[in-house]
Protein backbone atom coordinates (compact mmCIF):
# COMPACT_ATOMS: atom_id res chain seq x y z
CA UNK A 1 8.44 54.62 3.88
CA UNK A 2 11.33 55.09 5.97
CA UNK A 3 14.57 53.02 4.85
CA UNK A 4 15.89 53.25 8.70
CA UNK A 5 13.94 50.07 9.26
CA UNK A 6 16.29 48.14 7.15
CA UNK A 7 19.37 49.32 9.15
CA UNK A 8 17.31 48.52 12.71
CA UNK A 9 16.97 44.77 12.30
CA UNK A 10 19.63 42.65 12.75
CA UNK A 11 19.97 40.57 9.60
CA UNK A 12 23.14 38.54 10.71
CA UNK A 13 21.01 37.10 13.45
CA UNK A 14 17.68 36.92 11.49
CA UNK A 15 17.84 36.35 8.04
CA UNK A 16 13.91 36.11 7.88
CA UNK A 17 11.90 38.73 9.58
CA UNK A 18 8.37 37.20 10.65
CA UNK A 19 5.41 39.48 9.20
CA UNK A 20 2.30 39.81 10.31
CA UNK A 21 -0.27 41.74 7.96
CA UNK A 22 -3.22 43.58 9.27
CA UNK A 23 -6.14 45.32 7.30
CA UNK A 24 -5.46 49.18 7.62
CA UNK A 25 -9.39 49.92 8.03
CA UNK A 26 -10.75 47.01 9.89
CA UNK A 27 -7.78 46.17 11.66
CA UNK A 28 -8.32 42.16 10.80
CA UNK A 29 -5.20 40.12 11.16
CA UNK A 30 -4.90 38.68 7.61
CA UNK A 31 -1.43 36.86 7.26
CA UNK A 32 1.63 35.75 8.50
CA UNK A 33 4.49 35.54 6.56
CA UNK A 34 8.37 35.86 6.30
CA UNK A 35 10.55 39.19 4.63
CA UNK A 36 14.15 38.62 3.75
CA UNK A 37 15.94 41.85 3.75
CA UNK A 38 15.43 42.23 -0.10
CA UNK A 39 11.79 41.61 0.09
CA UNK A 40 11.81 44.07 3.09
CA UNK A 41 13.87 46.52 0.76
CA UNK A 42 11.42 46.15 -2.33
CA UNK A 43 8.48 46.61 0.04
CA UNK A 44 9.88 49.91 1.72
CA UNK A 45 10.83 51.27 -2.03
CA UNK A 46 7.53 50.20 -3.59
CA UNK A 47 5.20 50.41 -0.84
CA UNK A 48 3.52 47.32 -1.92
CA UNK A 49 4.15 44.25 0.41
CA UNK A 50 6.91 41.45 -0.60
CA UNK A 51 7.42 38.28 1.13
CA UNK A 52 10.19 35.24 1.05
CA UNK A 53 8.78 31.95 0.48
CA UNK A 54 10.19 29.51 2.86
CA UNK A 55 8.46 26.79 1.18
CA UNK A 56 9.54 27.98 -2.76
CA UNK A 57 12.62 29.33 -1.70
CA UNK A 58 12.05 32.74 -3.44
CA UNK A 59 10.88 36.30 -3.28
CA UNK A 60 7.25 36.72 -4.10
CA UNK A 61 5.09 40.12 -4.51
CA UNK A 62 1.83 39.34 -2.90
CA UNK A 63 -1.08 39.41 -5.36
CA UNK A 64 1.47 39.68 -8.24
CA UNK A 65 -1.00 36.85 -10.14
CA UNK A 66 -4.18 37.24 -8.22
CA UNK A 67 -3.93 40.87 -8.28
CA UNK A 68 -4.81 40.75 -4.63
CA UNK A 69 -1.94 43.27 -3.73
CA UNK A 70 -1.28 44.64 -0.35
CA UNK A 71 -0.54 48.46 -0.28
CA UNK A 72 1.30 49.23 2.96
CA UNK A 73 0.19 52.03 5.07
CA UNK A 74 1.63 51.81 8.46
CA UNK A 75 4.54 49.41 9.49
CA UNK A 76 5.69 48.64 13.16
CA UNK A 77 8.41 46.54 14.89
CA UNK A 78 8.07 44.92 18.15
CA UNK A 79 9.94 45.61 21.36
CA UNK A 80 12.70 43.05 20.39
CA UNK A 81 13.17 44.55 16.84
CA UNK A 82 12.57 40.95 15.49
CA UNK A 83 9.06 41.03 14.26
CA UNK A 84 6.85 43.26 12.29
CA UNK A 85 3.46 44.23 11.78
CA UNK A 86 2.27 46.10 8.87
CA UNK A 87 -0.97 47.58 8.34
CA UNK A 88 -2.05 47.28 4.62
CA UNK A 89 -4.72 48.42 2.22
CA UNK A 90 -5.98 44.86 0.81
CA UNK A 91 -6.92 44.54 -2.79
CA UNK A 92 -9.06 41.48 -2.86
CA UNK A 93 -8.64 38.76 -0.50
CA UNK A 94 -5.10 37.89 1.66
CA UNK A 95 -5.69 34.07 1.65
CA UNK A 96 -5.14 31.49 -0.99
CA UNK A 97 -8.39 29.63 0.05
CA UNK A 98 -10.63 33.00 -1.18
CA UNK A 99 -10.98 34.31 2.08
CA UNK A 100 -10.17 37.67 3.31
CA UNK A 101 -8.08 36.37 6.09
CA UNK A 102 -5.79 33.24 6.41
CA UNK A 103 -7.40 32.79 10.10
CA UNK A 104 -10.64 31.55 9.68
CA UNK A 105 -10.05 27.83 10.77
CA UNK A 106 -11.41 28.47 14.40
CA UNK A 107 -10.13 26.16 17.24
CA UNK A 108 -12.29 25.63 20.27
CA UNK A 109 -10.45 24.37 22.93
CA UNK A 110 -13.04 22.03 24.27
CA UNK A 111 -13.75 20.87 20.65
CA UNK A 112 -11.74 19.22 17.77
CA UNK A 113 -11.01 21.68 15.04
CA UNK A 114 -13.46 21.98 12.19
CA UNK A 115 -12.33 21.15 8.56
CA UNK A 116 -12.35 24.22 6.75
CA UNK A 117 -14.35 24.28 3.35
CA UNK A 118 -11.73 24.72 0.48
CA UNK A 119 -12.38 27.12 -2.79
CA UNK A 120 -9.76 27.43 -5.49
CA UNK A 121 -9.23 31.11 -6.51
CA UNK A 122 -6.36 32.43 -8.19
CA UNK A 123 -3.67 30.43 -7.12
CA UNK A 124 -2.11 27.56 -9.31
CA UNK A 125 -3.56 24.15 -9.09
CA UNK A 126 -0.19 22.81 -8.09
CA UNK A 127 0.14 25.21 -5.15
CA UNK A 128 -3.22 24.29 -3.80
CA UNK A 129 -2.66 20.65 -3.80
CA UNK A 130 0.54 21.38 -2.08
CA UNK A 131 -1.40 23.09 0.57
CA UNK A 132 -4.01 20.36 0.73
CA UNK A 133 -1.02 18.22 1.64
CA UNK A 134 0.03 19.82 4.26
CA UNK A 135 -3.25 20.15 5.72
CA UNK A 136 -3.57 16.35 5.14
CA UNK A 137 -0.76 15.06 7.44
CA UNK A 138 -2.91 15.58 10.50
CA UNK A 139 -6.08 14.47 9.05
CA UNK A 140 -8.13 11.33 9.60
CA UNK A 141 -6.76 8.54 6.94
CA UNK A 142 -10.36 7.24 6.95
CA UNK A 143 -11.73 10.12 5.93
CA UNK A 144 -8.91 11.36 3.40
CA UNK A 145 -7.00 9.42 0.55
CA UNK A 146 -4.33 11.81 0.93
CA UNK A 147 -3.98 11.34 4.63
CA UNK A 148 -4.20 7.25 3.90
CA UNK A 149 -1.08 7.71 1.34
CA UNK A 150 0.89 9.64 4.12
CA UNK A 151 0.31 7.49 6.89
CA UNK A 152 1.38 4.41 4.90
CA UNK A 153 4.55 5.78 4.69
CA UNK A 154 7.50 6.74 2.06
CA UNK A 155 7.22 2.66 0.55
CA UNK A 156 3.38 2.72 -0.27
CA UNK A 157 3.36 6.10 -0.94
CA UNK A 158 6.54 6.25 -3.82
CA UNK A 159 5.05 3.04 -5.03
CA UNK A 160 1.86 4.97 -6.29
CA UNK A 161 3.96 7.58 -8.07
CA UNK A 162 5.83 4.42 -9.91
CA UNK A 163 2.84 2.82 -10.43
CA UNK A 164 1.30 5.77 -12.24
CA UNK A 165 4.55 6.67 -13.94
CA UNK A 166 3.79 3.19 -15.72
CA UNK A 167 0.04 3.63 -16.68
CA UNK A 168 1.28 7.27 -17.91
CA UNK A 169 3.71 5.73 -20.15
CA UNK A 170 1.50 2.68 -21.50
CA UNK A 171 -1.07 5.35 -22.45
CA UNK A 172 1.50 7.08 -24.34
CA UNK A 173 2.39 3.77 -25.93
CA UNK A 174 -1.00 3.22 -27.18
CA UNK A 175 -1.49 7.07 -28.51
CA UNK A 176 -5.04 7.84 -26.92
CA UNK A 177 -4.84 11.16 -25.91
CA UNK A 178 -7.69 10.89 -23.10
CA UNK A 179 -5.79 8.38 -21.62
CA UNK A 180 -2.80 9.98 -21.65
CA UNK A 181 -4.36 13.33 -19.91
CA UNK A 182 -5.94 11.37 -17.35
CA UNK A 183 -2.89 8.91 -16.52
CA UNK A 184 -0.74 12.29 -16.61
CA UNK A 185 -3.09 14.06 -14.10
CA UNK A 186 -2.79 10.86 -11.94
CA UNK A 187 0.96 10.99 -11.93
CA UNK A 188 1.09 14.53 -11.40
CA UNK A 189 -0.99 14.29 -8.46
CA UNK A 190 0.94 11.65 -6.89
CA UNK A 191 3.89 13.17 -7.28
CA UNK A 192 3.04 16.39 -5.70
CA UNK A 193 1.80 14.21 -2.72
CA UNK A 194 5.38 12.98 -2.47
CA UNK A 195 6.96 16.80 -2.90
CA UNK A 196 4.51 17.63 -0.12
CA UNK A 197 5.29 14.80 2.06
CA UNK A 198 8.81 16.10 2.25
CA UNK A 199 7.98 20.01 2.23
CA UNK A 200 8.85 20.90 -1.26
CA UNK A 201 6.78 23.17 -2.74
CA UNK A 202 6.06 22.31 -6.46
CA UNK A 203 7.21 25.70 -7.24
CA UNK A 204 10.81 24.69 -6.79
CA UNK A 205 10.69 22.38 -9.85
CA UNK A 206 9.55 25.27 -11.87
CA UNK A 207 12.66 27.34 -10.55
CA UNK A 208 14.96 24.09 -11.65
CA UNK A 209 13.44 23.87 -14.83
CA UNK A 210 13.76 27.76 -15.74
CA UNK A 211 17.65 27.29 -14.40
CA UNK A 212 17.97 24.91 -17.23
CA UNK A 213 17.03 27.38 -19.89
CA UNK A 214 20.16 28.20 -22.17
CA UNK A 215 21.87 24.99 -21.18
CA UNK A 216 22.17 21.79 -23.53
CA UNK A 217 21.30 18.54 -22.02
CA UNK A 218 24.77 17.41 -21.84
CA UNK A 219 25.55 20.90 -19.96
CA UNK A 220 22.96 20.39 -17.42
CA UNK A 221 24.21 16.80 -17.05
CA UNK A 222 27.88 17.84 -16.32
CA UNK A 223 27.08 20.40 -13.90
CA UNK A 224 25.16 18.07 -11.90
CA UNK A 225 28.25 15.54 -12.48
CA UNK A 226 30.28 18.29 -11.10
CA UNK A 227 28.75 18.68 -7.84
């Protein structure tokens, strides 16, 4: 694929390029994402779609964990050179819900949006929970526990995190493995809700832990104090 495309885009003006992925054979719109300069460069070099995740703040290769790769067949810039359309051969499905396209939730103009059914595919549980939290921000708190937590605000939501942390500690003290696992799941769930409320993807926590590999606890603490 032509590397001239990289020079056409004003990366100083647009650090992230909006990208629409469309099925090469059926012309179905599959997903919307962003590429930074590095992601586009890798896409052009490999012929496989790479994107930049705003929530995780990291480069990602579409389908790297799920096997649902996107092989880029054609690419088109819009008239302003600030949006890219790629036509791809999609392996498997494009959406993390298990559907072919991310655009499945039809909104009728005269009717309220219908709640889509959720399925968990190859993406991690933490990723799925994060997306559920984002969706529940606009849900009815009477029908959703997550929505009710979000509506009550930080104090109530974070109080649950503290409560679950305490219950987890007591379970560890008692030494009952099933109770420890159960309480750890509760703690992780409410922590992900709190992260989602602040638009922080759980993968950011994984990146921070990865950053600390090779550092002693003292070195890591000193690096924080330096900031």
